[in-house]
Amino acid sequence: VLHVHDLVDYVSEEAKRAGSHAADYIRCWDAEQRPDFKEQEIKIE
């Protein structure tokens, strides 16, 4: 859904990262000071 892969192994690897980052996001859900890194964003050209 993100981009068409050639190997399903890479799909699983990428999905594990998504699951892990989603878990990190949920852990920070109730934190009073949630970090905002938008201003430090680097674009890949």
PDB file of all heavy atoms in Angstrom:
ATOM      1  N   VAL A   1       0.843  -1.203   0.000  1.00  0.00           N
ATOM      2  CA  VAL A   1       0.000   0.000   0.000  1.00  0.00           C
ATOM      3  C   VAL A   1       0.884   1.261   0.000  1.00  0.00           C
ATOM      4  O   VAL A   1       0.462   2.326  -0.427  1.00  0.00           O
ATOM      5  CB  VAL A   1      -0.973   0.008   1.206  1.00  0.00           C
ATOM      6  CG1 VAL A   1      -0.278   0.509   2.476  1.00  0.00           C
ATOM      7  CG2 VAL A   1      -2.185   0.860   0.932  1.00  0.00           C
ATOM      8  N   LEU A   2       2.112   1.092   0.454  1.00  0.00           N
ATOM      9  CA  LEU A   2       3.066   2.197   0.536  1.00  0.00           C
ATOM     10  C   LEU A   2       3.825   2.350  -0.783  1.00  0.00           C
ATOM     11  O   LEU A   2       3.922   3.429  -1.345  1.00  0.00           O
ATOM     12  CB  LEU A   2       4.019   1.944   1.704  1.00  0.00           C
ATOM     13  CG  LEU A   2       5.082   2.983   2.020  1.00  0.00           C
ATOM     14  CD1 LEU A   2       4.441   4.337   2.270  1.00  0.00           C
ATOM     15  CD2 LEU A   2       5.889   2.552   3.264  1.00  0.00           C
ATOM     16  N   HIS A   3       4.384   1.269  -1.266  1.00  0.00           N
ATOM     17  CA  HIS A   3       5.001   1.194  -2.598  1.00  0.00           C
ATOM     18  C   HIS A   3       5.139  -0.273  -2.963  1.00  0.00           C
ATOM     19  O   HIS A   3       5.229  -1.137  -2.082  1.00  0.00           O
ATOM     20  CB  HIS A   3       6.361   1.916  -2.655  1.00  0.00           C
ATOM     21  CG  HIS A   3       7.407   1.336  -1.733  1.00  0.00           C
ATOM     22  ND1 HIS A   3       8.674   1.041  -2.112  1.00  0.00           N
ATOM     23  CD2 HIS A   3       7.357   1.007  -0.416  1.00  0.00           C
ATOM     24  CE1 HIS A   3       9.360   0.560  -1.082  1.00  0.00           C
ATOM     25  NE2 HIS A   3       8.593   0.522  -0.053  1.00  0.00           N
ATOM     26  N   VAL A   4       5.128  -0.559  -4.246  1.00  0.00           N
ATOM     27  CA  VAL A   4       5.108  -1.953  -4.693  1.00  0.00           C
ATOM     28  C   VAL A   4       6.479  -2.582  -4.484  1.00  0.00           C
ATOM     29  O   VAL A   4       7.480  -2.096  -5.005  1.00  0.00           O
ATOM     30  CB  VAL A   4       4.678  -2.051  -6.166  1.00  0.00           C
ATOM     31  CG1 VAL A   4       4.736  -3.496  -6.636  1.00  0.00           C
ATOM     32  CG2 VAL A   4       3.253  -1.490  -6.342  1.00  0.00           C
ATOM     33  N   HIS A   5       6.506  -3.669  -3.698  1.00  0.00           N
ATOM     34  CA  HIS A   5       7.751  -4.380  -3.398  1.00  0.00           C
ATOM     35  C   HIS A   5       7.992  -5.491  -4.407  1.00  0.00           C
ATOM     36  O   HIS A   5       7.056  -5.983  -5.040  1.00  0.00           O
ATOM     37  CB  HIS A   5       7.692  -4.980  -1.989  1.00  0.00           C
ATOM     38  CG  HIS A   5       7.675  -3.956  -0.900  1.00  0.00           C
ATOM     39  ND1 HIS A   5       6.661  -3.049  -0.730  1.00  0.00           N
ATOM     40  CD2 HIS A   5       8.563  -3.694   0.097  1.00  0.00           C
ATOM     41  CE1 HIS A   5       6.925  -2.274   0.320  1.00  0.00           C
ATOM     42  NE2 HIS A   5       8.068  -2.649   0.830  1.00  0.00           N
ATOM     43  N   ASP A   6       9.251  -5.920  -4.494  1.00  0.00           N
ATOM     44  CA  ASP A   6       9.554  -7.082  -5.331  1.00  0.00           C
ATOM     45  C   ASP A   6       9.617  -8.369  -4.511  1.00  0.00           C
ATOM     46  O   ASP A   6       9.317  -9.437  -5.019  1.00  0.00           O
ATOM     47  CB  ASP A   6      10.863  -6.885  -6.120  1.00  0.00           C
ATOM     48  CG  ASP A   6      12.034  -6.441  -5.229  1.00  0.00           C
ATOM     49  OD1 ASP A   6      11.840  -6.271  -4.005  1.00  0.00           O
ATOM     50  OD2 ASP A   6      13.152  -6.234  -5.756  1.00  0.00           O
ATOM     51  N   LEU A   7       9.977  -8.278  -3.228  1.00  0.00           N
ATOM     52  CA  LEU A   7      10.059  -9.461  -2.368  1.00  0.00           C
ATOM     53  C   LEU A   7       9.182  -9.278  -1.128  1.00  0.00           C
ATOM     54  O   LEU A   7       9.201  -8.213  -0.497  1.00  0.00           O
ATOM     55  CB  LEU A   7      11.510  -9.708  -1.919  1.00  0.00           C
ATOM     56  CG  LEU A   7      12.526 -10.072  -3.011  1.00  0.00           C
ATOM     57  CD1 LEU A   7      13.910 -10.198  -2.391  1.00  0.00           C
ATOM     58  CD2 LEU A   7      12.145 -11.359  -3.718  1.00  0.00           C
ATOM     59  N   VAL A   8       8.458 -10.340  -0.770  1.00  0.00           N
ATOM     60  CA  VAL A   8       7.581 -10.257   0.401  1.00  0.00           C
ATOM     61  C   VAL A   8       8.408 -10.147   1.685  1.00  0.00           C
ATOM     62  O   VAL A   8       7.934  -9.623   2.694  1.00  0.00           O
ATOM     63  CB  VAL A   8       6.612 -11.466   0.448  1.00  0.00           C
ATOM     64  CG1 VAL A   8       7.338 -12.737   0.844  1.00  0.00           C
ATOM     65  CG2 VAL A   8       5.452 -11.199   1.395  1.00  0.00           C
ATOM     66  N   ASP A   9       9.647 -10.645   1.658  1.00  0.00           N
ATOM     67  CA  ASP A   9      10.513 -10.534   2.833  1.00  0.00           C
ATOM     68  C   ASP A   9      10.725  -9.065   3.222  1.00  0.00           C
ATOM     69  O   ASP A   9      10.760  -8.713   4.399  1.00  0.00           O
ATOM     70  CB  ASP A   9      11.872 -11.194   2.579  1.00  0.00           C
ATOM     71  CG  ASP A   9      11.746 -12.669   2.261  1.00  0.00           C
ATOM     72  OD1 ASP A   9      11.299 -13.005   1.150  1.00  0.00           O
ATOM     73  OD2 ASP A   9      12.059 -13.492   3.126  1.00  0.00           O
ATOM     74  N   TYR A  10      10.867  -8.204   2.213  1.00  0.00           N
ATOM     75  CA  TYR A  10      11.035  -6.768   2.485  1.00  0.00           C
ATOM     76  C   TYR A  10       9.733  -6.164   3.024  1.00  0.00           C
ATOM     77  O   TYR A  10       9.770  -5.235   3.835  1.00  0.00           O
ATOM     78  CB  TYR A  10      11.474  -6.021   1.227  1.00  0.00           C
ATOM     79  CG  TYR A  10      12.848  -6.403   0.721  1.00  0.00           C
ATOM     80  CD1 TYR A  10      13.184  -6.312  -0.634  1.00  0.00           C
ATOM     81  CD2 TYR A  10      13.827  -6.871   1.590  1.00  0.00           C
ATOM     82  CE1 TYR A  10      14.434  -6.664  -1.096  1.00  0.00           C
ATOM     83  CE2 TYR A  10      15.091  -7.230   1.140  1.00  0.00           C
ATOM     84  CZ  TYR A  10      15.377  -7.125  -0.203  1.00  0.00           C
ATOM     85  OH  TYR A  10      16.621  -7.477  -0.657  1.00  0.00           O
ATOM     86  N   VAL A  11       8.602  -6.699   2.556  1.00  0.00           N
ATOM     87  CA  VAL A  11       7.300  -6.257   3.075  1.00  0.00           C
ATOM     88  C   VAL A  11       7.239  -6.521   4.581  1.00  0.00           C
ATOM     89  O   VAL A  11       6.875  -5.643   5.371  1.00  0.00           O
ATOM     90  CB  VAL A  11       6.135  -6.984   2.349  1.00  0.00           C
ATOM     91  CG1 VAL A  11       4.810  -6.760   3.092  1.00  0.00           C
ATOM     92  CG2 VAL A  11       6.017  -6.510   0.913  1.00  0.00           C
ATOM     93  N   SER A  12       7.592  -7.737   4.976  1.00  0.00           N
ATOM     94  CA  SER A  12       7.542  -8.112   6.393  1.00  0.00           C
ATOM     95  C   SER A  12       8.492  -7.264   7.221  1.00  0.00           C
ATOM     96  O   SER A  12       8.154  -6.825   8.328  1.00  0.00           O
ATOM     97  CB  SER A  12       7.894  -9.598   6.567  1.00  0.00           C
ATOM     98  OG  SER A  12       7.016 -10.400   5.823  1.00  0.00           O
ATOM     99  N   GLU A  13       9.686  -7.041   6.685  1.00  0.00           N
ATOM    100  CA  GLU A  13      10.690  -6.236   7.393  1.00  0.00           C
ATOM    101  C   GLU A  13      10.174  -4.814   7.623  1.00  0.00           C
ATOM    102  O   GLU A  13      10.297  -4.270   8.725  1.00  0.00           O
ATOM    103  CB  GLU A  13      11.976  -6.205   6.548  1.00  0.00           C
ATOM    104  CG  GLU A  13      13.187  -5.617   7.230  1.00  0.00           C
ATOM    105  CD  GLU A  13      14.366  -5.585   6.265  1.00  0.00           C
ATOM    106  OE1 GLU A  13      14.744  -6.649   5.731  1.00  0.00           O
ATOM    107  OE2 GLU A  13      14.890  -4.494   6.032  1.00  0.00           O
ATOM    108  N   GLU A  14       9.594  -4.231   6.578  1.00  0.00           N
ATOM    109  CA  GLU A  14       9.044  -2.879   6.659  1.00  0.00           C
ATOM    110  C   GLU A  14       7.860  -2.833   7.625  1.00  0.00           C
ATOM    111  O   GLU A  14       7.732  -1.904   8.429  1.00  0.00           O
ATOM    112  CB  GLU A  14       8.596  -2.458   5.255  1.00  0.00           C
ATOM    113  CG  GLU A  14       8.221  -1.004   5.083  1.00  0.00           C
ATOM    114  CD  GLU A  14       7.891  -0.734   3.618  1.00  0.00           C
ATOM    115  OE1 GLU A  14       6.755  -0.972   3.209  1.00  0.00           O
ATOM    116  OE2 GLU A  14       8.779  -0.314   2.873  1.00  0.00           O
ATOM    117  N   ALA A  15       6.999  -3.856   7.556  1.00  0.00           N
ATOM    118  CA  ALA A  15       5.812  -3.907   8.418  1.00  0.00           C
ATOM    119  C   ALA A  15       6.192  -4.023   9.894  1.00  0.00           C
ATOM    120  O   ALA A  15       5.537  -3.445  10.766  1.00  0.00           O
ATOM    121  CB  ALA A  15       4.924  -5.074   8.004  1.00  0.00           C
ATOM    122  N   LYS A  16       7.261  -4.766  10.180  1.00  0.00           N
ATOM    123  CA  LYS A  16       7.737  -4.875  11.571  1.00  0.00           C
ATOM    124  C   LYS A  16       8.131  -3.498  12.104  1.00  0.00           C
ATOM    125  O   LYS A  16       7.845  -3.158  13.257  1.00  0.00           O
ATOM    126  CB  LYS A  16       8.930  -5.833  11.653  1.00  0.00           C
ATOM    127  CG  LYS A  16       8.535  -7.297  11.535  1.00  0.00           C
ATOM    128  CD  LYS A  16       9.764  -8.200  11.532  1.00  0.00           C
ATOM    129  CE  LYS A  16       9.364  -9.666  11.348  1.00  0.00           C
ATOM    130  NZ  LYS A  16      10.567 -10.532  11.217  1.00  0.00           N
ATOM    131  N   ARG A  17       8.780  -2.705  11.246  1.00  0.00           N
ATOM    132  CA  ARG A  17       9.154  -1.339  11.645  1.00  0.00           C
ATOM    133  C   ARG A  17       7.908  -0.502  11.904  1.00  0.00           C
ATOM    134  O   ARG A  17       7.836   0.230  12.899  1.00  0.00           O
ATOM    135  CB  ARG A  17       9.994  -0.680  10.546  1.00  0.00           C
ATOM    136  CG  ARG A  17      11.461  -1.063  10.554  1.00  0.00           C
ATOM    137  CD  ARG A  17      12.176  -0.487   9.340  1.00  0.00           C
ATOM    138  NE  ARG A  17      12.002   0.953   9.214  1.00  0.00           N
ATOM    139  CZ  ARG A  17      12.067   1.622   8.065  1.00  0.00           C
ATOM    140  NH1 ARG A  17      12.305   0.958   6.938  1.00  0.00           N
ATOM    141  NH2 ARG A  17      11.900   2.934   8.039  1.00  0.00           N
ATOM    142  N   ALA A  18       6.901  -0.633  11.043  1.00  0.00           N
ATOM    143  CA  ALA A  18       5.663   0.135  11.217  1.00  0.00           C
ATOM    144  C   ALA A  18       4.983  -0.242  12.528  1.00  0.00           C
ATOM    145  O   ALA A  18       4.511   0.631  13.273  1.00  0.00           O
ATOM    146  CB  ALA A  18       4.720  -0.114  10.042  1.00  0.00           C
ATOM    147  N   GLY A  19       4.939  -1.540  12.819  1.00  0.00           N
ATOM    148  CA  GLY A  19       4.333  -2.014  14.072  1.00  0.00           C
ATOM    149  C   GLY A  19       5.066  -1.496  15.294  1.00  0.00           C
ATOM    150  O   GLY A  19       4.459  -1.053  16.281  1.00  0.00           O
ATOM    151  N   SER A  20       6.398  -1.514  15.219  1.00  0.00           N
ATOM    152  CA  SER A  20       7.224  -1.041  16.328  1.00  0.00           C
ATOM    153  C   SER A  20       7.041   0.461  16.558  1.00  0.00           C
ATOM    154  O   SER A  20       6.899   0.918  17.698  1.00  0.00           O
ATOM    155  CB  SER A  20       8.691  -1.374  16.028  1.00  0.00           C
ATOM    156  OG  SER A  20       9.530  -0.861  16.977  1.00  0.00           O
ATOM    157  N   HIS A  21       7.027   1.238  15.462  1.00  0.00           N
ATOM    158  CA  HIS A  21       6.858   2.703  15.586  1.00  0.00           C
ATOM    159  C   HIS A  21       5.446   3.066  16.059  1.00  0.00           C
ATOM    160  O   HIS A  21       5.270   4.024  16.806  1.00  0.00           O
ATOM    161  CB  HIS A  21       7.161   3.393  14.260  1.00  0.00           C
ATOM    162  CG  HIS A  21       8.629   3.360  13.892  1.00  0.00           C
ATOM    163  ND1 HIS A  21       9.601   3.847  14.735  1.00  0.00           N
ATOM    164  CD2 HIS A  21       9.269   2.892  12.792  1.00  0.00           C
ATOM    165  CE1 HIS A  21      10.792   3.674  14.169  1.00  0.00           C
ATOM    166  NE2 HIS A  21      10.613   3.098  12.997  1.00  0.00           N
ATOM    167  N   ALA A  22       4.453   2.304  15.625  1.00  0.00           N
ATOM    168  CA  ALA A  22       3.089   2.528  16.104  1.00  0.00           C
ATOM    169  C   ALA A  22       3.012   2.286  17.609  1.00  0.00           C
ATOM    170  O   ALA A  22       2.344   3.034  18.343  1.00  0.00           O
ATOM    171  CB  ALA A  22       2.106   1.621  15.359  1.00  0.00           C
ATOM    172  N   ALA A  23       3.720   1.256  18.073  1.00  0.00           N
ATOM    173  CA  ALA A  23       3.769   0.958  19.515  1.00  0.00           C
ATOM    174  C   ALA A  23       4.420   2.115  20.279  1.00  0.00           C
ATOM    175  O   ALA A  23       3.948   2.512  21.356  1.00  0.00           O
ATOM    176  CB  ALA A  23       4.531  -0.343  19.754  1.00  0.00           C
ATOM    177  N   ASP A  24       5.512   2.670  19.721  1.00  0.00           N
ATOM    178  CA  ASP A  24       6.179   3.828  20.347  1.00  0.00           C
ATOM    179  C   ASP A  24       5.213   5.012  20.441  1.00  0.00           C
ATOM    180  O   ASP A  24       5.160   5.713  21.454  1.00  0.00           O
ATOM    181  CB  ASP A  24       7.406   4.245  19.528  1.00  0.00           C
ATOM    182  CG  ASP A  24       8.522   3.221  19.582  1.00  0.00           C
ATOM    183  OD1 ASP A  24       8.516   2.382  20.502  1.00  0.00           O
ATOM    184  OD2 ASP A  24       9.398   3.242  18.676  1.00  0.00           O
ATOM    185  N   TYR A  25       4.459   5.230  19.352  1.00  0.00           N
ATOM    186  CA  TYR A  25       3.499   6.339  19.314  1.00  0.00           C
ATOM    187  C   TYR A  25       2.428   6.169  20.389  1.00  0.00           C
ATOM    188  O   TYR A  25       2.072   7.126  21.089  1.00  0.00           O
ATOM    189  CB  TYR A  25       2.848   6.407  17.925  1.00  0.00           C
ATOM    190  CG  TYR A  25       1.729   7.420  17.817  1.00  0.00           C
ATOM    191  CD1 TYR A  25       2.009   8.763  17.615  1.00  0.00           C
ATOM    192  CD2 TYR A  25       0.391   7.028  17.933  1.00  0.00           C
ATOM    193  CE1 TYR A  25       0.984   9.700  17.531  1.00  0.00           C
ATOM    194  CE2 TYR A  25      -0.637   7.948  17.843  1.00  0.00           C
ATOM    195  CZ  TYR A  25      -0.337   9.282  17.649  1.00  0.00           C
ATOM    196  OH  TYR A  25      -1.354  10.211  17.570  1.00  0.00           O
ATOM    197  N   ILE A  26       1.937   4.952  20.550  1.00  0.00           N
ATOM    198  CA  ILE A  26       0.881   4.681  21.540  1.00  0.00           C
ATOM    199  C   ILE A  26       1.414   4.880  22.964  1.00  0.00           C
ATOM    200  O   ILE A  26       0.715   5.399  23.838  1.00  0.00           O
ATOM    201  CB  ILE A  26       0.311   3.255  21.329  1.00  0.00           C
ATOM    202  CG1 ILE A  26      -0.461   3.216  20.000  1.00  0.00           C
ATOM    203  CG2 ILE A  26      -0.592   2.829  22.473  1.00  0.00           C
ATOM    204  CD1 ILE A  26      -0.683   1.818  19.451  1.00  0.00           C
ATOM    205  N   ARG A  27       2.674   4.492  23.174  1.00  0.00           N
ATOM    206  CA  ARG A  27       3.292   4.683  24.502  1.00  0.00           C
ATOM    207  C   ARG A  27       3.386   6.168  24.869  1.00  0.00           C
ATOM    208  O   ARG A  27       3.267   6.536  26.031  1.00  0.00           O
ATOM    209  CB  ARG A  27       4.692   4.056  24.534  1.00  0.00           C
ATOM    210  CG  ARG A  27       4.679   2.584  24.888  1.00  0.00           C
ATOM    211  CD  ARG A  27       6.072   2.084  25.265  1.00  0.00           C
ATOM    212  NE  ARG A  27       6.939   2.021  24.109  1.00  0.00           N
ATOM    213  CZ  ARG A  27       7.018   0.974  23.286  1.00  0.00           C
ATOM    214  NH1 ARG A  27       6.294  -0.092  23.506  1.00  0.00           N
ATOM    215  NH2 ARG A  27       7.827   0.986  22.251  1.00  0.00           N
ATOM    216  N   CYS A  28       3.612   7.028  23.855  1.00  0.00           N
ATOM    217  CA  CYS A  28       3.723   8.473  24.105  1.00  0.00           C
ATOM    218  C   CYS A  28       2.359   9.174  24.151  1.00  0.00           C
ATOM    219  O   CYS A  28       2.285  10.387  24.348  1.00  0.00           O
ATOM    220  CB  CYS A  28       4.567   9.151  23.013  1.00  0.00           C
ATOM    221  SG  CYS A  28       6.269   8.668  22.989  1.00  0.00           S
ATOM    222  N   TRP A  29       1.287   8.413  23.965  1.00  0.00           N
ATOM    223  CA  TRP A  29      -0.043   8.995  23.806  1.00  0.00           C
ATOM    224  C   TRP A  29      -0.435   9.879  24.991  1.00  0.00           C
ATOM    225  O   TRP A  29      -0.943  10.996  24.822  1.00  0.00           O
ATOM    226  CB  TRP A  29      -1.060   7.855  23.643  1.00  0.00           C
ATOM    227  CG  TRP A  29      -2.478   8.318  23.491  1.00  0.00           C
ATOM    228  CD1 TRP A  29      -3.410   8.434  24.482  1.00  0.00           C
ATOM    229  CD2 TRP A  29      -3.137   8.723  22.302  1.00  0.00           C
ATOM    230  NE1 TRP A  29      -4.591   8.874  23.975  1.00  0.00           N
ATOM    231  CE2 TRP A  29      -4.469   9.070  22.620  1.00  0.00           C
ATOM    232  CE3 TRP A  29      -2.744   8.839  20.977  1.00  0.00           C
ATOM    233  CZ2 TRP A  29      -5.396   9.503  21.678  1.00  0.00           C
ATOM    234  CZ3 TRP A  29      -3.671   9.278  20.022  1.00  0.00           C
ATOM    235  CH2 TRP A  29      -4.968   9.602  20.369  1.00  0.00           C
ATOM    236  N   ASP A  30      -0.202   9.370  26.180  1.00  0.00           N
ATOM    237  CA  ASP A  30      -0.623  10.083  27.387  1.00  0.00           C
ATOM    238  C   ASP A  30       0.461  10.984  27.972  1.00  0.00           C
ATOM    239  O   ASP A  30       0.245  11.609  29.007  1.00  0.00           O
ATOM    240  CB  ASP A  30      -1.073   9.079  28.449  1.00  0.00           C
ATOM    241  CG  ASP A  30      -2.311   8.301  27.982  1.00  0.00           C
ATOM    242  OD1 ASP A  30      -3.196   8.923  27.350  1.00  0.00           O
ATOM    243  OD2 ASP A  30      -2.374   7.084  28.238  1.00  0.00           O
ATOM    244  N   ALA A  31       1.612  11.031  27.340  1.00  0.00           N
ATOM    245  CA  ALA A  31       2.704  11.850  27.874  1.00  0.00           C
ATOM    246  C   ALA A  31       2.335  13.334  27.814  1.00  0.00           C
ATOM    247  O   ALA A  31       1.759  13.811  26.842  1.00  0.00           O
ATOM    248  CB  ALA A  31       3.988  11.596  27.087  1.00  0.00           C
ATOM    249  N   GLU A  32       2.678  14.059  28.883  1.00  0.00           N
ATOM    250  CA  GLU A  32       2.351  15.495  28.921  1.00  0.00           C
ATOM    251  C   GLU A  32       3.148  16.266  27.878  1.00  0.00           C
ATOM    252  O   GLU A  32       2.635  17.134  27.187  1.00  0.00           O
ATOM    253  CB  GLU A  32       2.655  16.047  30.319  1.00  0.00           C
ATOM    254  CG  GLU A  32       1.672  15.554  31.381  1.00  0.00           C
ATOM    255  CD  GLU A  32       1.932  16.165  32.718  1.00  0.00           C
ATOM    256  OE1 GLU A  32       2.661  17.184  32.795  1.00  0.00           O
ATOM    257  OE2 GLU A  32       1.412  15.640  33.733  1.00  0.00           O
ATOM    258  N   GLN A  33       4.428  15.970  27.771  1.00  0.00           N
ATOM    259  CA  GLN A  33       5.285  16.630  26.796  1.00  0.00           C
ATOM    260  C   GLN A  33       5.577  15.670  25.639  1.00  0.00           C
ATOM    261  O   GLN A  33       6.524  14.927  25.659  1.00  0.00           O
ATOM    262  CB  GLN A  33       6.602  17.078  27.465  1.00  0.00           C
ATOM    263  CG  GLN A  33       6.445  18.189  28.489  1.00  0.00           C
ATOM    264  CD  GLN A  33       6.180  19.523  27.835  1.00  0.00           C
ATOM    265  OE1 GLN A  33       6.771  19.835  26.843  1.00  0.00           O
ATOM    266  NE2 GLN A  33       5.278  20.302  28.385  1.00  0.00           N
ATOM    267  N   ARG A  34       4.706  15.697  24.653  1.00  0.00           N
ATOM    268  CA  ARG A  34       4.937  14.841  23.494  1.00  0.00           C
ATOM    269  C   ARG A  34       5.903  15.542  22.545  1.00  0.00           C
ATOM    270  O   ARG A  34       5.725  16.713  22.199  1.00  0.00           O
ATOM    271  CB  ARG A  34       3.624  14.520  22.780  1.00  0.00           C
ATOM    272  CG  ARG A  34       2.632  13.775  23.641  1.00  0.00           C
ATOM    273  CD  ARG A  34       1.361  13.435  22.929  1.00  0.00           C
ATOM    274  NE  ARG A  34       1.589  12.444  21.879  1.00  0.00           N
ATOM    275  CZ  ARG A  34       1.557  12.691  20.609  1.00  0.00           C
ATOM    276  NH1 ARG A  34       1.327  13.913  20.193  1.00  0.00           N
ATOM    277  NH2 ARG A  34       1.752  11.752  19.714  1.00  0.00           N
ATOM    278  N   PRO A  35       6.962  14.838  22.099  1.00  0.00           N
ATOM    279  CA  PRO A  35       7.950  15.499  21.256  1.00  0.00           C
ATOM    280  C   PRO A  35       7.378  15.887  19.888  1.00  0.00           C
ATOM    281  O   PRO A  35       6.555  15.177  19.325  1.00  0.00           O
ATOM    282  CB  PRO A  35       9.045  14.418  21.097  1.00  0.00           C
ATOM    283  CG  PRO A  35       8.366  13.120  21.384  1.00  0.00           C
ATOM    284  CD  PRO A  35       7.255  13.412  22.330  1.00  0.00           C
ATOM    285  N   ASP A  36       7.811  17.025  19.387  1.00  0.00           N
ATOM    286  CA  ASP A  36       7.413  17.479  18.060  1.00  0.00           C
ATOM    287  C   ASP A  36       8.683  17.738  17.247  1.00  0.00           C
ATOM    288  O   ASP A  36       9.444  18.641  17.534  1.00  0.00           O
ATOM    289  CB  ASP A  36       6.574  18.757  18.151  1.00  0.00           C
ATOM    290  CG  ASP A  36       6.123  19.234  16.772  1.00  0.00           C
ATOM    291  OD1 ASP A  36       6.158  18.422  15.829  1.00  0.00           O
ATOM    292  OD2 ASP A  36       5.784  20.423  16.629  1.00  0.00           O
ATOM    293  N   PHE A  37       8.889  16.895  16.263  1.00  0.00           N
ATOM    294  CA  PHE A  37      10.118  16.987  15.483  1.00  0.00           C
ATOM    295  C   PHE A  37       9.892  17.541  14.076  1.00  0.00           C
ATOM    296  O   PHE A  37      10.740  17.433  13.210  1.00  0.00           O
ATOM    297  CB  PHE A  37      10.774  15.600  15.379  1.00  0.00           C
ATOM    298  CG  PHE A  37      11.169  15.034  16.715  1.00  0.00           C
ATOM    299  CD1 PHE A  37      10.368  14.114  17.349  1.00  0.00           C
ATOM    300  CD2 PHE A  37      12.327  15.434  17.334  1.00  0.00           C
ATOM    301  CE1 PHE A  37      10.725  13.595  18.582  1.00  0.00           C
ATOM    302  CE2 PHE A  37      12.690  14.921  18.562  1.00  0.00           C
ATOM    303  CZ  PHE A  37      11.893  13.995  19.201  1.00  0.00           C
ATOM    304  N   LYS A  38       8.741  18.121  13.838  1.00  0.00           N
ATOM    305  CA  LYS A  38       8.407  18.588  12.499  1.00  0.00           C
ATOM    306  C   LYS A  38       9.436  19.579  11.957  1.00  0.00           C
ATOM    307  O   LYS A  38       9.790  19.569  10.799  1.00  0.00           O
ATOM    308  CB  LYS A  38       7.015  19.231  12.479  1.00  0.00           C
ATOM    309  CG  LYS A  38       5.867  18.219  12.574  1.00  0.00           C
ATOM    310  CD  LYS A  38       5.675  17.479  11.264  1.00  0.00           C
ATOM    311  CE  LYS A  38       4.503  16.529  11.331  1.00  0.00           C
ATOM    312  NZ  LYS A  38       4.427  15.632  10.146  1.00  0.00           N
ATOM    313  N   GLU A  39       9.916  20.474  12.851  1.00  0.00           N
ATOM    314  CA  GLU A  39      10.832  21.515  12.375  1.00  0.00           C
ATOM    315  C   GLU A  39      12.192  20.951  12.001  1.00  0.00           C
ATOM    316  O   GLU A  39      12.969  21.614  11.316  1.00  0.00           O
ATOM    317  CB  GLU A  39      10.964  22.610  13.433  1.00  0.00           C
ATOM    318  CG  GLU A  39      11.474  22.069  14.755  1.00  0.00           C
ATOM    319  CD  GLU A  39      11.038  22.967  15.893  1.00  0.00           C
ATOM    320  OE1 GLU A  39       9.897  23.437  15.873  1.00  0.00           O
ATOM    321  OE2 GLU A  39      11.857  23.189  16.765  1.00  0.00           O
ATOM    322  N   GLN A  40      12.517  19.767  12.457  1.00  0.00           N
ATOM    323  CA  GLN A  40      13.820  19.182  12.165  1.00  0.00           C
ATOM    324  C   GLN A  40      13.739  18.154  11.028  1.00  0.00           C
ATOM    325  O   GLN A  40      14.559  17.270  10.925  1.00  0.00           O
ATOM    326  CB  GLN A  40      14.386  18.500  13.413  1.00  0.00           C
ATOM    327  CG  GLN A  40      14.560  19.484  14.560  1.00  0.00           C
ATOM    328  CD  GLN A  40      14.566  18.791  15.903  1.00  0.00           C
ATOM    329  OE1 GLN A  40      14.068  17.708  16.053  1.00  0.00           O
ATOM    330  NE2 GLN A  40      15.137  19.432  16.889  1.00  0.00           N
ATOM    331  N   GLU A  41      12.746  18.268  10.186  1.00  0.00           N
ATOM    332  CA  GLU A  41      12.512  17.291   9.134  1.00  0.00           C
ATOM    333  C   GLU A  41      13.459  17.519   7.955  1.00  0.00           C
ATOM    334  O   GLU A  41      13.621  18.630   7.476  1.00  0.00           O
ATOM    335  CB  GLU A  41      11.061  17.391   8.667  1.00  0.00           C
ATOM    336  CG  GLU A  41      10.497  16.123   8.124  1.00  0.00           C
ATOM    337  CD  GLU A  41       8.991  16.128   8.025  1.00  0.00           C
ATOM    338  OE1 GLU A  41       8.436  17.031   7.376  1.00  0.00           O
ATOM    339  OE2 GLU A  41       8.376  15.235   8.584  1.00  0.00           O
ATOM    340  N   ILE A  42      14.065  16.428   7.491  1.00  0.00           N
ATOM    341  CA  ILE A  42      14.955  16.472   6.324  1.00  0.00           C
ATOM    342  C   ILE A  42      14.249  15.786   5.161  1.00  0.00           C
ATOM    343  O   ILE A  42      13.781  14.652   5.282  1.00  0.00           O
ATOM    344  CB  ILE A  42      16.296  15.762   6.614  1.00  0.00           C
ATOM    345  CG1 ILE A  42      17.039  16.464   7.743  1.00  0.00           C
ATOM    346  CG2 ILE A  42      17.165  15.704   5.365  1.00  0.00           C
ATOM    347  CD1 ILE A  42      18.233  15.676   8.256  1.00  0.00           C
ATOM    348  N   LYS A  43      14.190  16.461   4.035  1.00  0.00           N
ATOM    349  CA  LYS A  43      13.553  15.890   2.845  1.00  0.00           C
ATOM    350  C   LYS A  43      14.588  15.082   2.053  1.00  0.00           C
ATOM    351  O   LYS A  43      15.733  15.493   1.918  1.00  0.00           O
ATOM    352  CB  LYS A  43      12.993  17.026   1.978  1.00  0.00           C
ATOM    353  CG  LYS A  43      12.199  16.567   0.770  1.00  0.00           C
ATOM    354  CD  LYS A  43      11.613  17.776   0.039  1.00  0.00           C
ATOM    355  CE  LYS A  43      10.758  17.342  -1.149  1.00  0.00           C
ATOM    356  NZ  LYS A  43      11.536  16.793  -2.211  1.00  0.00           N
ATOM    357  N   ILE A  44      14.178  13.931   1.547  1.00  0.00           N
ATOM    358  CA  ILE A  44      15.044  13.145   0.658  1.00  0.00           C
ATOM    359  C   ILE A  44      14.683  13.500  -0.781  1.00  0.00           C
ATOM    360  O   ILE A  44      13.565  13.243  -1.230  1.00  0.00           O
ATOM    361  CB  ILE A  44      14.883  11.627   0.884  1.00  0.00           C
ATOM    362  CG1 ILE A  44      15.222  11.257   2.335  1.00  0.00           C
ATOM    363  CG2 ILE A  44      15.775  10.852  -0.087  1.00  0.00           C
ATOM    364  CD1 ILE A  44      15.034   9.787   2.653  1.00  0.00           C
ATOM    365  N   GLU A  45      15.631  14.102  -1.474  1.00  0.00           N
ATOM    366  CA  GLU A  45      15.406  14.475  -2.878  1.00  0.00           C
ATOM    367  C   GLU A  45      16.027  13.404  -3.779  1.00  0.00           C
ATOM    368  O   GLU A  45      17.204  13.075  -3.653  1.00  0.00           O
ATOM    369  CB  GLU A  45      16.048  15.837  -3.157  1.00  0.00           C
ATOM    370  CG  GLU A  45      15.764  16.384  -4.556  1.00  0.00           C
ATOM    371  CD  GLU A  45      16.385  17.751  -4.756  1.00  0.00           C
ATOM    372  OE1 GLU A  45      15.961  18.712  -4.062  1.00  0.00           O
ATOM    373  OE2 GLU A  45      17.313  17.849  -5.581  1.00  0.00           O
TER     374      GLU A  45
END
